[in-house]
Amino acid sequence: MKRYRVFYLNEMLVDRFREAAPLKEMGVLRSGHYRESGLVEAETPYEAWRRLRQDDELRERPIGVGDVLQAESEEPLLCLYWGFEPTRWQETAPESANME
């Protein structure tokens, strides 16, 4: 069984994420927009999703659109309306543009 780390999107960003247009390509996650909230054991991300929706002891709130699951040594999975999509964490902070 896999152990998935659970990352909840910060509350102030949830509505904005849910109202945004669907992604055309793999998105990049900013770690500052998420907070890690424990682990859940499951065979698949969909089983983890179901467990996090049903078991009050495993979660701080039901997992939903914009939240992320990540198994060890695997890419993060972003929860969207139609299921999970692989994504990645932003590697470095973007540098400000140098305007001359």
PDB file of N, CA and C in Angstrom:
ATOM      1  N   MET A   1       0.840  -1.183   0.000  1.00  0.00           N
ATOM      2  CA  MET A   1       0.000   0.000   0.000  1.00  0.00           C
ATOM      3  C   MET A   1       0.886   1.247   0.000  1.00  0.00           C
ATOM      4  N   LYS A   2       0.492   2.238  -0.764  1.00  0.00           N
ATOM      5  CA  LYS A   2       1.249   3.488  -0.842  1.00  0.00           C
ATOM      6  C   LYS A   2       0.850   4.413   0.296  1.00  0.00           C
ATOM      7  N   ARG A   3       1.780   5.275   0.650  1.00  0.00           N
ATOM      8  CA  ARG A   3       1.510   6.331   1.622  1.00  0.00           C
ATOM      9  C   ARG A   3       1.519   7.653   0.862  1.00  0.00           C
ATOM     10  N   TYR A   4       0.392   8.325   0.868  1.00  0.00           N
ATOM     11  CA  TYR A   4       0.249   9.603   0.175  1.00  0.00           C
ATOM     12  C   TYR A   4       0.348  10.746   1.183  1.00  0.00           C
ATOM     13  N   ARG A   5       1.200  11.719   0.885  1.00  0.00           N
ATOM     14  CA  ARG A   5       1.219  12.956   1.663  1.00  0.00           C
ATOM     15  C   ARG A   5       0.071  13.820   1.146  1.00  0.00           C
ATOM     16  N   VAL A   6      -0.619  14.463   2.060  1.00  0.00           N
ATOM     17  CA  VAL A   6      -1.780  15.273   1.719  1.00  0.00           C
ATOM     18  C   VAL A   6      -1.410  16.751   1.845  1.00  0.00           C
ATOM     19  N   PHE A   7      -1.669  17.510   0.791  1.00  0.00           N
ATOM     20  CA  PHE A   7      -1.417  18.947   0.780  1.00  0.00           C
ATOM     21  C   PHE A   7      -2.730  19.656   0.476  1.00  0.00           C
ATOM     22  N   TYR A   8      -3.161  20.507   1.405  1.00  0.00           N
ATOM     23  CA  TYR A   8      -4.386  21.281   1.203  1.00  0.00           C
ATOM     24  C   TYR A   8      -4.035  22.669   0.660  1.00  0.00           C
ATOM     25  N   LEU A   9      -4.775  23.088  -0.359  1.00  0.00           N
ATOM     26  CA  LEU A   9      -4.631  24.432  -0.897  1.00  0.00           C
ATOM     27  C   LEU A   9      -5.074  25.418   0.178  1.00  0.00           C
ATOM     28  N   ASN A  10      -4.332  26.512   0.356  1.00  0.00           N
ATOM     29  CA  ASN A  10      -4.691  27.512   1.357  1.00  0.00           C
ATOM     30  C   ASN A  10      -6.106  28.013   1.116  1.00  0.00           C
ATOM     31  N   GLU A  11      -6.864  28.167   2.171  1.00  0.00           N
ATOM     32  CA  GLU A  11      -8.288  28.528   2.094  1.00  0.00           C
ATOM     33  C   GLU A  11      -8.544  29.769   1.241  1.00  0.00           C
ATOM     34  N   MET A  12      -7.672  30.764   1.336  1.00  0.00           N
ATOM     35  CA  MET A  12      -7.913  32.004   0.596  1.00  0.00           C
ATOM     36  C   MET A  12      -7.771  31.827  -0.919  1.00  0.00           C
ATOM     37  N   LEU A  13      -7.200  30.690  -1.365  1.00  0.00           N
ATOM     38  CA  LEU A  13      -7.010  30.442  -2.797  1.00  0.00           C
ATOM     39  C   LEU A  13      -8.001  29.439  -3.380  1.00  0.00           C
ATOM     40  N   VAL A  14      -8.780  28.780  -2.542  1.00  0.00           N
ATOM     41  CA  VAL A  14      -9.676  27.716  -3.004  1.00  0.00           C
ATOM     42  C   VAL A  14     -10.695  28.221  -4.017  1.00  0.00           C
ATOM     43  N   ASP A  15     -11.420  29.279  -3.716  1.00  0.00           N
ATOM     44  CA  ASP A  15     -12.451  29.782  -4.639  1.00  0.00           C
ATOM     45  C   ASP A  15     -11.836  30.237  -5.955  1.00  0.00           C
ATOM     46  N   ARG A  16     -10.711  30.927  -5.881  1.00  0.00           N
ATOM     47  CA  ARG A  16     -10.053  31.408  -7.097  1.00  0.00           C
ATOM     48  C   ARG A  16      -9.620  30.230  -7.981  1.00  0.00           C
ATOM     49  N   PHE A  17      -9.092  29.167  -7.366  1.00  0.00           N
ATOM     50  CA  PHE A  17      -8.665  27.994  -8.129  1.00  0.00           C
ATOM     51  C   PHE A  17      -9.862  27.311  -8.782  1.00  0.00           C
ATOM     52  N   ARG A  18     -10.944  27.167  -8.033  1.00  0.00           N
ATOM     53  CA  ARG A  18     -12.131  26.477  -8.550  1.00  0.00           C
ATOM     54  C   ARG A  18     -12.813  27.236  -9.674  1.00  0.00           C
ATOM     55  N   GLU A  19     -12.677  28.556  -9.686  1.00  0.00           N
ATOM     56  CA  GLU A  19     -13.304  29.372 -10.719  1.00  0.00           C
ATOM     57  C   GLU A  19     -12.420  29.551 -11.953  1.00  0.00           C
ATOM     58  N   ALA A  20     -11.153  29.161 -11.869  1.00  0.00           N
ATOM     59  CA  ALA A  20     -10.219  29.340 -12.987  1.00  0.00           C
ATOM     60  C   ALA A  20     -10.547  28.384 -14.127  1.00  0.00           C
ATOM     61  N   ALA A  21     -10.156  28.759 -15.331  1.00  0.00           N
ATOM     62  CA  ALA A  21     -10.344  27.904 -16.502  1.00  0.00           C
ATOM     63  C   ALA A  21      -9.503  26.638 -16.352  1.00  0.00           C
ATOM     64  N   PRO A  22      -9.940  25.528 -16.948  1.00  0.00           N
ATOM     65  CA  PRO A  22      -9.165  24.283 -16.869  1.00  0.00           C
ATOM     66  C   PRO A  22      -7.763  24.461 -17.453  1.00  0.00           C
ATOM     67  N   LEU A  23      -6.830  23.720 -16.896  1.00  0.00           N
ATOM     68  CA  LEU A  23      -5.446  23.775 -17.351  1.00  0.00           C
ATOM     69  C   LEU A  23      -5.309  23.116 -18.717  1.00  0.00           C
ATOM     70  N   LYS A  24      -4.541  23.727 -19.614  1.00  0.00           N
ATOM     71  CA  LYS A  24      -4.297  23.134 -20.928  1.00  0.00           C
ATOM     72  C   LYS A  24      -3.063  22.253 -20.909  1.00  0.00           C
ATOM     73  N   GLU A  25      -2.198  22.472 -19.955  1.00  0.00           N
ATOM     74  CA  GLU A  25      -0.992  21.665 -19.814  1.00  0.00           C
ATOM     75  C   GLU A  25      -0.705  21.494 -18.331  1.00  0.00           C
ATOM     76  N   MET A  26       0.282  20.661 -18.033  1.00  0.00           N
ATOM     77  CA  MET A  26       0.604  20.392 -16.642  1.00  0.00           C
ATOM     78  C   MET A  26       0.919  21.693 -15.905  1.00  0.00           C
ATOM     79  N   GLY A  27       0.256  21.898 -14.804  1.00  0.00           N
ATOM     80  CA  GLY A  27       0.483  23.091 -14.015  1.00  0.00           C
ATOM     81  C   GLY A  27       1.694  22.952 -13.115  1.00  0.00           C
ATOM     82  N   VAL A  28       2.107  24.048 -12.539  1.00  0.00           N
ATOM     83  CA  VAL A  28       3.218  24.072 -11.603  1.00  0.00           C
ATOM     84  C   VAL A  28       2.676  24.541 -10.266  1.00  0.00           C
ATOM     85  N   LEU A  29       2.949  23.782  -9.231  1.00  0.00           N
ATOM     86  CA  LEU A  29       2.441  24.097  -7.901  1.00  0.00           C
ATOM     87  C   LEU A  29       3.449  24.935  -7.132  1.00  0.00           C
ATOM     88  N   ARG A  30       2.967  25.913  -6.430  1.00  0.00           N
ATOM     89  CA  ARG A  30       3.817  26.727  -5.563  1.00  0.00           C
ATOM     90  C   ARG A  30       3.651  26.224  -4.136  1.00  0.00           C
ATOM     91  N   SER A  31       4.750  25.825  -3.530  1.00  0.00           N
ATOM     92  CA  SER A  31       4.676  25.240  -2.189  1.00  0.00           C
ATOM     93  C   SER A  31       4.072  26.204  -1.174  1.00  0.00           C
ATOM     94  N   GLY A  32       4.235  27.505  -1.380  1.00  0.00           N
ATOM     95  CA  GLY A  32       3.671  28.488  -0.463  1.00  0.00           C
ATOM     96  C   GLY A  32       2.149  28.547  -0.489  1.00  0.00           C
ATOM     97  N   HIS A  33       1.533  27.951  -1.504  1.00  0.00           N
ATOM     98  CA  HIS A  33       0.073  27.940  -1.615  1.00  0.00           C
ATOM     99  C   HIS A  33      -0.552  26.737  -0.921  1.00  0.00           C
ATOM    100  N   TYR A  34       0.285  25.857  -0.383  1.00  0.00           N
ATOM    101  CA  TYR A  34      -0.199  24.608   0.210  1.00  0.00           C
ATOM    102  C   TYR A  34       0.346  24.417   1.603  1.00  0.00           C
ATOM    103  N   ARG A  35      -0.384  23.632   2.376  1.00  0.00           N
ATOM    104  CA  ARG A  35       0.113  23.220   3.692  1.00  0.00           C
ATOM    105  C   ARG A  35      -0.042  21.706   3.783  1.00  0.00           C
ATOM    106  N   GLU A  36       1.027  21.072   4.240  1.00  0.00           N
ATOM    107  CA  GLU A  36       0.991  19.621   4.367  1.00  0.00           C
ATOM    108  C   GLU A  36       0.154  19.243   5.577  1.00  0.00           C
ATOM    109  N   SER A  37      -0.633  18.179   5.418  1.00  0.00           N
ATOM    110  CA  SER A  37      -1.547  17.811   6.492  1.00  0.00           C
ATOM    111  C   SER A  37      -1.599  16.301   6.693  1.00  0.00           C
ATOM    112  N   GLY A  38      -0.449  15.690   6.843  1.00  0.00           N
ATOM    113  CA  GLY A  38      -0.426  14.279   7.204  1.00  0.00           C
ATOM    114  C   GLY A  38      -0.334  13.317   6.040  1.00  0.00           C
ATOM    115  N   LEU A  39      -0.596  12.047   6.369  1.00  0.00           N
ATOM    116  CA  LEU A  39      -0.476  10.940   5.425  1.00  0.00           C
ATOM    117  C   LEU A  39      -1.750  10.119   5.404  1.00  0.00           C
ATOM    118  N   VAL A  40      -1.975   9.465   4.270  1.00  0.00           N
ATOM    119  CA  VAL A  40      -3.064   8.504   4.161  1.00  0.00           C
ATOM    120  C   VAL A  40      -2.524   7.311   3.379  1.00  0.00           C
ATOM    121  N   GLU A  41      -2.850   6.108   3.830  1.00  0.00           N
ATOM    122  CA  GLU A  41      -2.431   4.897   3.132  1.00  0.00           C
ATOM    123  C   GLU A  41      -3.562   4.407   2.243  1.00  0.00           C
ATOM    124  N   ALA A  42      -3.203   4.109   0.979  1.00  0.00           N
ATOM    125  CA  ALA A  42      -4.200   3.643   0.011  1.00  0.00           C
ATOM    126  C   ALA A  42      -3.474   3.012  -1.170  1.00  0.00           C
ATOM    127  N   GLU A  43      -4.194   2.174  -1.908  1.00  0.00           N
ATOM    128  CA  GLU A  43      -3.634   1.541  -3.102  1.00  0.00           C
ATOM    129  C   GLU A  43      -3.544   2.521  -4.271  1.00  0.00           C
ATOM    130  N   THR A  44      -4.525   3.412  -4.403  1.00  0.00           N
ATOM    131  CA  THR A  44      -4.579   4.357  -5.518  1.00  0.00           C
ATOM    132  C   THR A  44      -4.921   5.750  -4.986  1.00  0.00           C
ATOM    133  N   PRO A  45      -4.682   6.779  -5.786  1.00  0.00           N
ATOM    134  CA  PRO A  45      -5.085   8.116  -5.333  1.00  0.00           C
ATOM    135  C   PRO A  45      -6.598   8.242  -5.153  1.00  0.00           C
ATOM    136  N   TYR A  46      -7.368   7.477  -5.924  1.00  0.00           N
ATOM    137  CA  TYR A  46      -8.830   7.550  -5.801  1.00  0.00           C
ATOM    138  C   TYR A  46      -9.305   6.906  -4.496  1.00  0.00           C
ATOM    139  N   GLU A  47      -8.624   5.858  -4.064  1.00  0.00           N
ATOM    140  CA  GLU A  47      -8.943   5.273  -2.758  1.00  0.00           C
ATOM    141  C   GLU A  47      -8.559   6.258  -1.649  1.00  0.00           C
ATOM    142  N   ALA A  48      -7.408   6.914  -1.797  1.00  0.00           N
ATOM    143  CA  ALA A  48      -6.998   7.926  -0.813  1.00  0.00           C
ATOM    144  C   ALA A  48      -8.023   9.055  -0.763  1.00  0.00           C
ATOM    145  N   TRP A  49      -8.489   9.499  -1.934  1.00  0.00           N
ATOM    146  CA  TRP A  49      -9.518  10.544  -2.007  1.00  0.00           C
ATOM    147  C   TRP A  49     -10.775  10.124  -1.255  1.00  0.00           C
ATOM    148  N   ARG A  50     -11.224   8.889  -1.507  1.00  0.00           N
ATOM    149  CA  ARG A  50     -12.431   8.380  -0.843  1.00  0.00           C
ATOM    150  C   ARG A  50     -12.233   8.335   0.677  1.00  0.00           C
ATOM    151  N   ARG A  51     -11.085   7.832   1.118  1.00  0.00           N
ATOM    152  CA  ARG A  51     -10.824   7.745   2.562  1.00  0.00           C
ATOM    153  C   ARG A  51     -10.782   9.126   3.200  1.00  0.00           C
ATOM    154  N   LEU A  52     -10.172  10.079   2.513  1.00  0.00           N
ATOM    155  CA  LEU A  52     -10.092  11.443   3.045  1.00  0.00           C
ATOM    156  C   LEU A  52     -11.436  12.153   3.041  1.00  0.00           C
ATOM    157  N   ARG A  53     -12.364  11.708   2.227  1.00  0.00           N
ATOM    158  CA  ARG A  53     -13.712  12.285   2.212  1.00  0.00           C
ATOM    159  C   ARG A  53     -14.591  11.668   3.296  1.00  0.00           C
ATOM    160  N   GLN A  54     -14.277  10.437   3.732  1.00  0.00           N
ATOM    161  CA  GLN A  54     -15.157   9.720   4.651  1.00  0.00           C
ATOM    162  C   GLN A  54     -14.667   9.651   6.095  1.00  0.00           C
ATOM    163  N   ASP A  55     -13.370   9.612   6.307  1.00  0.00           N
ATOM    164  CA  ASP A  55     -12.827   9.352   7.638  1.00  0.00           C
ATOM    165  C   ASP A  55     -12.389  10.649   8.312  1.00  0.00           C
ATOM    166  N   ASP A  56     -13.150  11.081   9.307  1.00  0.00           N
ATOM    167  CA  ASP A  56     -12.863  12.337  10.012  1.00  0.00           C
ATOM    168  C   ASP A  56     -11.505  12.345  10.697  1.00  0.00           C
ATOM    169  N   GLU A  57     -10.994  11.187  11.104  1.00  0.00           N
ATOM    170  CA  GLU A  57      -9.710  11.128  11.805  1.00  0.00           C
ATOM    171  C   GLU A  57      -8.526  11.333  10.864  1.00  0.00           C
ATOM    172  N   LEU A  58      -8.692  11.135   9.560  1.00  0.00           N
ATOM    173  CA  LEU A  58      -7.588  11.237   8.608  1.00  0.00           C
ATOM    174  C   LEU A  58      -7.387  12.641   8.061  1.00  0.00           C
ATOM    175  N   ARG A  59      -8.344  13.492   8.211  1.00  0.00           N
ATOM    176  CA  ARG A  59      -8.290  14.761   7.496  1.00  0.00           C
ATOM    177  C   ARG A  59      -8.699  15.937   8.360  1.00  0.00           C
ATOM    178  N   GLU A  60      -8.299  17.096   7.912  1.00  0.00           N
ATOM    179  CA  GLU A  60      -8.776  18.314   8.565  1.00  0.00           C
ATOM    180  C   GLU A  60     -10.034  18.825   7.886  1.00  0.00           C
ATOM    181  N   ARG A  61     -10.202  18.512   6.592  1.00  0.00           N
ATOM    182  CA  ARG A  61     -11.420  18.819   5.830  1.00  0.00           C
ATOM    183  C   ARG A  61     -11.469  17.849   4.655  1.00  0.00           C
ATOM    184  N   PRO A  62     -12.621  17.682   4.017  1.00  0.00           N
ATOM    185  CA  PRO A  62     -12.668  16.784   2.858  1.00  0.00           C
ATOM    186  C   PRO A  62     -11.720  17.280   1.758  1.00  0.00           C
ATOM    187  N   ILE A  63     -10.995  16.371   1.152  1.00  0.00           N
ATOM    188  CA  ILE A  63     -10.103  16.740   0.054  1.00  0.00           C
ATOM    189  C   ILE A  63     -10.957  17.181  -1.128  1.00  0.00           C
ATOM    190  N   GLY A  64     -10.491  18.191  -1.846  1.00  0.00           N
ATOM    191  CA  GLY A  64     -11.289  18.701  -2.949  1.00  0.00           C
ATOM    192  C   GLY A  64     -10.445  19.278  -4.064  1.00  0.00           C
ATOM    193  N   VAL A  65     -11.107  19.915  -4.993  1.00  0.00           N
ATOM    194  CA  VAL A  65     -10.458  20.511  -6.154  1.00  0.00           C
ATOM    195  C   VAL A  65      -9.391  21.498  -5.693  1.00  0.00           C
ATOM    196  N   GLY A  66      -8.188  21.341  -6.234  1.00  0.00           N
ATOM    197  CA  GLY A  66      -7.068  22.210  -5.881  1.00  0.00           C
ATOM    198  C   GLY A  66      -6.116  21.597  -4.884  1.00  0.00           C
ATOM    199  N   ASP A  67      -6.535  20.551  -4.188  1.00  0.00           N
ATOM    200  CA  ASP A  67      -5.672  19.883  -3.216  1.00  0.00           C
ATOM    201  C   ASP A  67      -4.767  18.875  -3.923  1.00  0.00           C
ATOM    202  N   VAL A  68      -3.738  18.395  -3.232  1.00  0.00           N
ATOM    203  CA  VAL A  68      -2.713  17.554  -3.851  1.00  0.00           C
ATOM    204  C   VAL A  68      -2.425  16.328  -2.998  1.00  0.00           C
ATOM    205  N   LEU A  69      -2.211  15.200  -3.684  1.00  0.00           N
ATOM    206  CA  LEU A  69      -1.704  13.978  -3.058  1.00  0.00           C
ATOM    207  C   LEU A  69      -0.345  13.672  -3.679  1.00  0.00           C
ATOM    208  N   GLN A  70       0.590  13.180  -2.865  1.00  0.00           N
ATOM    209  CA  GLN A  70       1.888  12.814  -3.420  1.00  0.00           C
ATOM    210  C   GLN A  70       2.432  11.592  -2.703  1.00  0.00           C
ATOM    211  N   ALA A  71       2.633  10.507  -3.471  1.00  0.00           N
ATOM    212  CA  ALA A  71       3.257   9.305  -2.943  1.00  0.00           C
ATOM    213  C   ALA A  71       4.770   9.493  -3.007  1.00  0.00           C
ATOM    214  N   GLU A  72       5.488   8.780  -2.145  1.00  0.00           N
ATOM    215  CA  GLU A  72       6.941   8.883  -2.103  1.00  0.00           C
ATOM    216  C   GLU A  72       7.545   8.566  -3.470  1.00  0.00           C
ATOM    217  N   SER A  73       8.495   9.362  -3.889  1.00  0.00           N
ATOM    218  CA  SER A  73       9.218   9.193  -5.155  1.00  0.00           C
ATOM    219  C   SER A  73       8.324   9.282  -6.390  1.00  0.00           C
ATOM    220  N   GLU A  74       7.179   9.915  -6.285  1.00  0.00           N
ATOM    221  CA  GLU A  74       6.285  10.099  -7.435  1.00  0.00           C
ATOM    222  C   GLU A  74       5.935  11.572  -7.553  1.00  0.00           C
ATOM    223  N   GLU A  75       5.477  11.958  -8.741  1.00  0.00           N
ATOM    224  CA  GLU A  75       5.094  13.348  -8.932  1.00  0.00           C
ATOM    225  C   GLU A  75       3.771  13.632  -8.218  1.00  0.00           C
ATOM    226  N   PRO A  76       3.558  14.881  -7.837  1.00  0.00           N
ATOM    227  CA  PRO A  76       2.312  15.235  -7.158  1.00  0.00           C
ATOM    228  C   PRO A  76       1.115  15.059  -8.092  1.00  0.00           C
ATOM    229  N   LEU A  77      -0.034  14.767  -7.487  1.00  0.00           N
ATOM    230  CA  LEU A  77      -1.284  14.595  -8.229  1.00  0.00           C
ATOM    231  C   LEU A  77      -2.258  15.669  -7.769  1.00  0.00           C
ATOM    232  N   LEU A  78      -2.632  16.535  -8.699  1.00  0.00           N
ATOM    233  CA  LEU A  78      -3.534  17.644  -8.415  1.00  0.00           C
ATOM    234  C   LEU A  78      -4.969  17.177  -8.587  1.00  0.00           C
ATOM    235  N   CYS A  79      -5.804  17.394  -7.582  1.00  0.00           N
ATOM    236  CA  CYS A  79      -7.208  17.006  -7.638  1.00  0.00           C
ATOM    237  C   CYS A  79      -7.977  18.059  -8.433  1.00  0.00           C
ATOM    238  N   LEU A  80      -8.616  17.603  -9.523  1.00  0.00           N
ATOM    239  CA  LEU A  80      -9.421  18.460 -10.375  1.00  0.00           C
ATOM    240  C   LEU A  80     -10.845  17.913 -10.419  1.00  0.00           C
ATOM    241  N   TYR A  81     -11.733  18.586 -11.109  1.00  0.00           N
ATOM    242  CA  TYR A  81     -13.131  18.143 -11.167  1.00  0.00           C
ATOM    243  C   TYR A  81     -13.278  16.758 -11.773  1.00  0.00           C
ATOM    244  N   TRP A  82     -12.414  16.377 -12.704  1.00  0.00           N
ATOM    245  CA  TRP A  82     -12.533  15.120 -13.435  1.00  0.00           C
ATOM    246  C   TRP A  82     -11.606  14.035 -12.926  1.00  0.00           C
ATOM    247  N   GLY A  83     -10.812  14.299 -11.911  1.00  0.00           N
ATOM    248  CA  GLY A  83      -9.897  13.292 -11.370  1.00  0.00           C
ATOM    249  C   GLY A  83      -8.572  13.924 -10.991  1.00  0.00           C
ATOM    250  N   PHE A  84      -7.537  13.125 -10.988  1.00  0.00           N
ATOM    251  CA  PHE A  84      -6.201  13.597 -10.627  1.00  0.00           C
ATOM    252  C   PHE A  84      -5.349  13.755 -11.879  1.00  0.00           C
ATOM    253  N   GLU A  85      -4.566  14.818 -11.898  1.00  0.00           N
ATOM    254  CA  GLU A  85      -3.634  15.074 -12.999  1.00  0.00           C
ATOM    255  C   GLU A  85      -2.235  15.227 -12.410  1.00  0.00           C
ATOM    256  N   PRO A  86      -1.236  14.599 -13.047  1.00  0.00           N
ATOM    257  CA  PRO A  86       0.139  14.775 -12.574  1.00  0.00           C
ATOM    258  C   PRO A  86       0.583  16.221 -12.779  1.00  0.00           C
ATOM    259  N   THR A  87       1.384  16.694 -11.880  1.00  0.00           N
ATOM    260  CA  THR A  87       1.891  18.062 -11.929  1.00  0.00           C
ATOM    261  C   THR A  87       3.292  18.061 -11.338  1.00  0.00           C
ATOM    262  N   ARG A  88       3.808  19.208 -11.007  1.00  0.00           N
ATOM    263  CA  ARG A  88       5.129  19.272 -10.371  1.00  0.00           C
ATOM    264  C   ARG A  88       5.190  20.500  -9.472  1.00  0.00           C
ATOM    265  N   TRP A  89       6.110  20.456  -8.526  1.00  0.00           N
ATOM    266  CA  TRP A  89       6.339  21.588  -7.641  1.00  0.00           C
ATOM    267  C   TRP A  89       7.275  22.565  -8.341  1.00  0.00           C
ATOM    268  N   GLN A  90       7.059  23.835  -8.128  1.00  0.00           N
ATOM    269  CA  GLN A  90       7.954  24.861  -8.673  1.00  0.00           C
ATOM    270  C   GLN A  90       9.315  24.676  -8.020  1.00  0.00           C
ATOM    271  N   GLU A  91      10.360  24.611  -8.838  1.00  0.00           N
ATOM    272  CA  GLU A  91      11.697  24.316  -8.314  1.00  0.00           C
ATOM    273  C   GLU A  91      12.350  25.508  -7.638  1.00  0.00           C
ATOM    274  N   THR A  92      12.220  26.683  -8.201  1.00  0.00           N
ATOM    275  CA  THR A  92      12.829  27.872  -7.618  1.00  0.00           C
ATOM    276  C   THR A  92      11.852  29.019  -7.679  1.00  0.00           C
ATOM    277  N   ALA A  93      12.086  29.994  -6.847  1.00  0.00           N
ATOM    278  CA  ALA A  93      11.229  31.187  -6.871  1.00  0.00           C
ATOM    279  C   ALA A  93      11.505  31.969  -8.153  1.00  0.00           C
ATOM    280  N   PRO A  94      10.457  32.438  -8.808  1.00  0.00           N
ATOM    281  CA  PRO A  94      10.689  33.206 -10.034  1.00  0.00           C
ATOM    282  C   PRO A  94      11.443  34.497  -9.727  1.00  0.00           C
ATOM    283  N   GLU A  95      12.380  34.850 -10.591  1.00  0.00           N
ATOM    284  CA  GLU A  95      13.135  36.068 -10.400  1.00  0.00           C
ATOM    285  C   GLU A  95      12.346  37.234 -10.992  1.00  0.00           C
ATOM    286  N   SER A  96      12.451  38.386 -10.382  1.00  0.00           N
ATOM    287  CA  SER A  96      11.731  39.548 -10.914  1.00  0.00           C
ATOM    288  C   SER A  96      12.385  39.967 -12.224  1.00  0.00           C
ATOM    289  N   ALA A  97      11.557  40.442 -13.132  1.00  0.00           N
ATOM    290  CA  ALA A  97      12.061  40.850 -14.444  1.00  0.00           C
ATOM    291  C   ALA A  97      12.926  42.086 -14.285  1.00  0.00           C
ATOM    292  N   ASN A  98      14.014  42.116 -15.031  1.00  0.00           N
ATOM    293  CA  ASN A  98      14.915  43.252 -14.995  1.00  0.00           C
ATOM    294  C   ASN A  98      14.544  44.213 -16.114  1.00  0.00           C
ATOM    295  N   MET A  99      13.894  45.310 -15.779  1.00  0.00           N
ATOM    296  CA  MET A  99      13.432  46.253 -16.793  1.00  0.00           C
ATOM    297  C   MET A  99      14.466  47.364 -16.938  1.00  0.00           C
ATOM    298  N   GLU A 100      14.855  47.593 -18.167  1.00  0.00           N
ATOM    299  CA  GLU A 100      15.844  48.646 -18.413  1.00  0.00           C
ATOM    300  C   GLU A 100      15.245  49.750 -19.233  1.00  0.00           C
TER     301      GLU A 100
END
